[in-house]
């Protein structure tokens, strides 16, 4: 009889713990002035923080260069999987230095981020960035959309886009409904 009581005393907490073993979901913390963009419809199982609707309407579109996310006039990024030479920021820096029409000055450069300004003449300066962000086993390249000649971003706009790029994260896989 003592063994049965002992066995029940040991088994009861284990059974109770296994029944309450539901995964805990940590709520996302979205900074003020930001909203979440889910890029699943564009073929990427990721989410990213972008400026909220007070800065403009979010426009998310697939492009030959990946996914373009544009909000208002001061936020325009391109995102794609970083493979091969796209994942090599040192090679990208050499290409930028060789092909930019203006004089490029790099303020930050390492294996995961490049930040630079390109100066045209005495007064016109455009800021740019490239970020490599690893999410799970994939690496993503996020950069300002410098393909659009209307995008001449100031340093403050680039800082907001970099903040957004750093927020890139996996979209949790939803459990099938039973």
Protein backbone atom coordinates (compact mmCIF):
# COMPACT_ATOMS: atom_id res chain seq x y z
CA UNK A 1 0.00 0.00 0.00
CA UNK A 2 2.87 2.37 0.81
CA UNK A 3 4.36 1.69 -2.62
CA UNK A 4 1.11 2.61 -4.36
CA UNK A 5 0.89 5.87 -2.40
CA UNK A 6 4.56 6.60 -3.13
CA UNK A 7 4.08 5.79 -6.83
CA UNK A 8 0.98 8.05 -6.96
CA UNK A 9 2.85 10.84 -5.17
CA UNK A 10 5.67 10.68 -7.73
CA UNK A 11 3.45 10.21 -10.80
CA UNK A 12 0.87 12.90 -10.00
CA UNK A 13 3.21 15.90 -10.47
CA UNK A 14 4.63 14.38 -13.65
CA UNK A 15 1.17 13.88 -15.11
CA UNK A 16 0.15 17.38 -14.07
CA UNK A 17 3.25 18.90 -15.72
CA UNK A 18 2.72 16.97 -18.95
CA UNK A 19 -0.89 18.14 -19.18
CA UNK A 20 0.14 21.76 -18.71
CA UNK A 21 3.02 21.59 -21.16
CA UNK A 22 1.43 23.94 -23.69
CA UNK A 23 4.03 26.11 -25.42
CA UNK A 24 4.16 29.61 -24.09
CA UNK A 25 3.83 32.35 -26.65
CA UNK A 26 5.77 35.49 -25.93
CA UNK A 27 3.85 38.51 -27.18
CA UNK A 28 5.67 40.63 -29.74
CA UNK A 29 6.79 44.02 -28.60
CA UNK A 30 6.32 46.50 -31.42
CA UNK A 31 7.97 49.89 -30.87
CA UNK A 32 5.71 52.95 -30.92
CA UNK A 33 5.22 54.29 -34.44
CA UNK A 34 5.84 50.87 -36.00
CA UNK A 35 3.60 48.11 -37.37
CA UNK A 36 4.30 44.52 -38.44
CA UNK A 37 4.50 43.49 -42.09
CA UNK A 38 4.05 39.77 -42.77
CA UNK A 39 5.93 38.80 -45.96
CA UNK A 40 4.48 35.29 -46.27
CA UNK A 41 2.36 36.24 -49.30
CA UNK A 42 5.58 37.28 -51.07
CA UNK A 43 7.23 33.90 -50.44
CA UNK A 44 9.21 34.68 -47.28
CA UNK A 45 8.18 33.19 -43.92
CA UNK A 46 9.32 36.31 -42.06
CA UNK A 47 7.92 39.42 -40.43
CA UNK A 48 9.46 42.86 -40.18
CA UNK A 49 8.61 46.07 -38.34
CA UNK A 50 7.81 49.00 -40.62
CA UNK A 51 6.55 52.54 -39.96
CA UNK A 52 2.85 52.58 -39.08
CA UNK A 53 0.11 54.22 -41.13
CA UNK A 54 0.83 57.67 -39.68
CA UNK A 55 3.89 57.77 -42.00
CA UNK A 56 1.96 56.63 -45.07
CA UNK A 57 0.31 53.60 -46.63
CA UNK A 58 2.48 50.48 -46.69
CA UNK A 59 3.09 49.19 -50.21
CA UNK A 60 4.56 45.69 -50.37
CA UNK A 61 5.35 44.27 -53.79
CA UNK A 62 7.39 41.51 -55.37
CA UNK A 63 10.14 42.83 -57.64
CA UNK A 64 12.94 41.18 -59.64
CA UNK A 65 15.24 42.15 -56.73
CA UNK A 66 13.06 40.51 -54.04
CA UNK A 67 10.36 42.23 -52.02
CA UNK A 68 9.99 46.00 -51.93
CA UNK A 69 8.48 47.56 -48.81
CA UNK A 70 7.65 51.23 -49.14
CA UNK A 71 5.92 53.50 -46.61
CA UNK A 72 5.53 57.16 -47.47
CA UNK A 73 8.46 59.07 -48.97
CA UNK A 74 11.15 58.23 -46.41
CA UNK A 75 11.04 54.44 -46.20
CA UNK A 76 11.80 52.18 -49.17
CA UNK A 77 13.66 48.90 -48.67
CA UNK A 78 14.36 45.81 -50.73
CA UNK A 79 14.60 42.39 -49.10
CA UNK A 80 15.79 39.11 -50.60
CA UNK A 81 17.54 35.90 -49.64
CA UNK A 82 21.29 36.52 -49.47
CA UNK A 83 23.17 33.85 -51.37
CA UNK A 84 26.59 33.82 -52.96
CA UNK A 85 28.04 37.25 -53.63
CA UNK A 86 24.90 38.95 -52.26
CA UNK A 87 25.91 37.72 -48.80
CA UNK A 88 29.45 39.15 -49.14
CA UNK A 89 29.38 42.74 -47.94
CA UNK A 90 33.12 43.21 -48.55
CA UNK A 91 32.59 42.46 -52.23
CA UNK A 92 29.56 44.76 -52.24
CA UNK A 93 31.67 47.57 -50.75
CA UNK A 94 34.27 47.16 -53.50
CA UNK A 95 31.51 47.28 -56.13
CA UNK A 96 29.96 50.40 -54.56
CA UNK A 97 33.34 52.14 -54.46
CA UNK A 98 34.02 51.26 -58.08
CA UNK A 99 30.61 52.12 -59.55
CA UNK A 100 29.12 54.99 -57.53
CA UNK A 101 29.16 58.26 -59.49
CA UNK A 102 29.87 60.26 -56.34
CA UNK A 103 32.41 59.88 -53.55
CA UNK A 104 31.38 57.17 -51.07
CA UNK A 105 32.37 57.35 -47.42
CA UNK A 106 31.68 54.28 -45.26
CA UNK A 107 30.82 54.97 -41.62
CA UNK A 108 30.06 51.38 -40.58
CA UNK A 109 31.27 48.19 -42.16
CA UNK A 110 31.43 44.62 -40.90
CA UNK A 111 30.13 41.20 -41.91
CA UNK A 112 26.50 42.12 -41.26
CA UNK A 113 26.10 45.83 -42.08
CA UNK A 114 27.35 48.54 -44.41
CA UNK A 115 26.39 52.18 -43.94
CA UNK A 116 27.72 54.83 -46.28
CA UNK A 117 27.10 58.25 -47.72
CA UNK A 118 27.62 59.20 -51.31
CA UNK A 119 28.46 62.82 -51.94
CA UNK A 120 27.70 64.44 -55.28
CA UNK A 121 29.30 67.85 -55.59
CA UNK A 122 29.55 70.11 -52.56
CA UNK A 123 26.05 69.90 -51.11
CA UNK A 124 24.15 66.80 -52.23
CA UNK A 125 24.62 63.77 -49.94
CA UNK A 126 22.62 60.53 -50.11
CA UNK A 127 22.82 57.91 -47.35
CA UNK A 128 22.61 54.15 -47.97
CA UNK A 129 22.77 50.85 -46.12
CA UNK A 130 22.94 47.07 -46.57
CA UNK A 131 22.17 44.62 -43.76
CA UNK A 132 22.64 40.87 -43.74
CA UNK A 133 20.21 39.35 -41.24
CA UNK A 134 20.24 35.65 -40.36
CA UNK A 135 16.86 34.12 -39.57
CA UNK A 136 17.06 30.43 -38.78
CA UNK A 137 19.22 28.84 -41.46
CA UNK A 138 18.52 31.57 -44.04
CA UNK A 139 20.35 34.85 -44.55
CA UNK A 140 18.53 37.89 -45.91
CA UNK A 141 19.90 40.99 -47.58
CA UNK A 142 17.98 44.16 -46.73
CA UNK A 143 18.99 47.49 -48.27
CA UNK A 144 17.61 50.86 -49.23
CA UNK A 145 16.02 51.00 -52.66
CA UNK A 146 18.68 53.04 -54.41
CA UNK A 147 17.36 51.81 -57.79
CA UNK A 148 14.73 54.54 -57.60
CA UNK A 149 16.37 57.90 -58.45
CA UNK A 150 13.72 59.71 -56.36
CA UNK A 151 15.05 57.97 -53.22
CA UNK A 152 17.69 60.33 -51.87
CA UNK A 153 17.47 59.40 -48.21
CA UNK A 154 18.86 61.44 -45.34
CA UNK A 155 20.74 59.79 -42.49
CA UNK A 156 17.67 59.80 -40.20
CA UNK A 157 15.58 57.86 -42.74
CA UNK A 158 18.38 55.32 -43.19
CA UNK A 159 18.57 54.82 -39.41
CA UNK A 160 14.82 54.03 -39.34
CA UNK A 161 15.23 51.53 -42.19
CA UNK A 162 18.17 49.88 -40.40
CA UNK A 163 16.05 49.59 -37.24
CA UNK A 164 13.42 47.91 -39.37
CA UNK A 165 15.96 45.57 -41.03
CA UNK A 166 17.22 44.47 -37.62
CA UNK A 167 13.65 43.54 -36.61
CA UNK A 168 13.40 40.88 -39.34
CA UNK A 169 12.34 37.63 -37.69
CA UNK A 170 10.83 34.27 -38.49
CA UNK A 171 7.09 34.04 -38.67
CA UNK A 172 6.07 31.32 -36.24
CA UNK A 173 4.53 28.32 -37.93
CA UNK A 174 0.92 28.00 -36.84
CA UNK A 175 -0.11 24.64 -35.45
CA UNK A 176 -2.75 22.84 -37.50
CA UNK A 177 -6.24 23.25 -36.09
CA UNK A 178 -7.79 20.00 -34.93
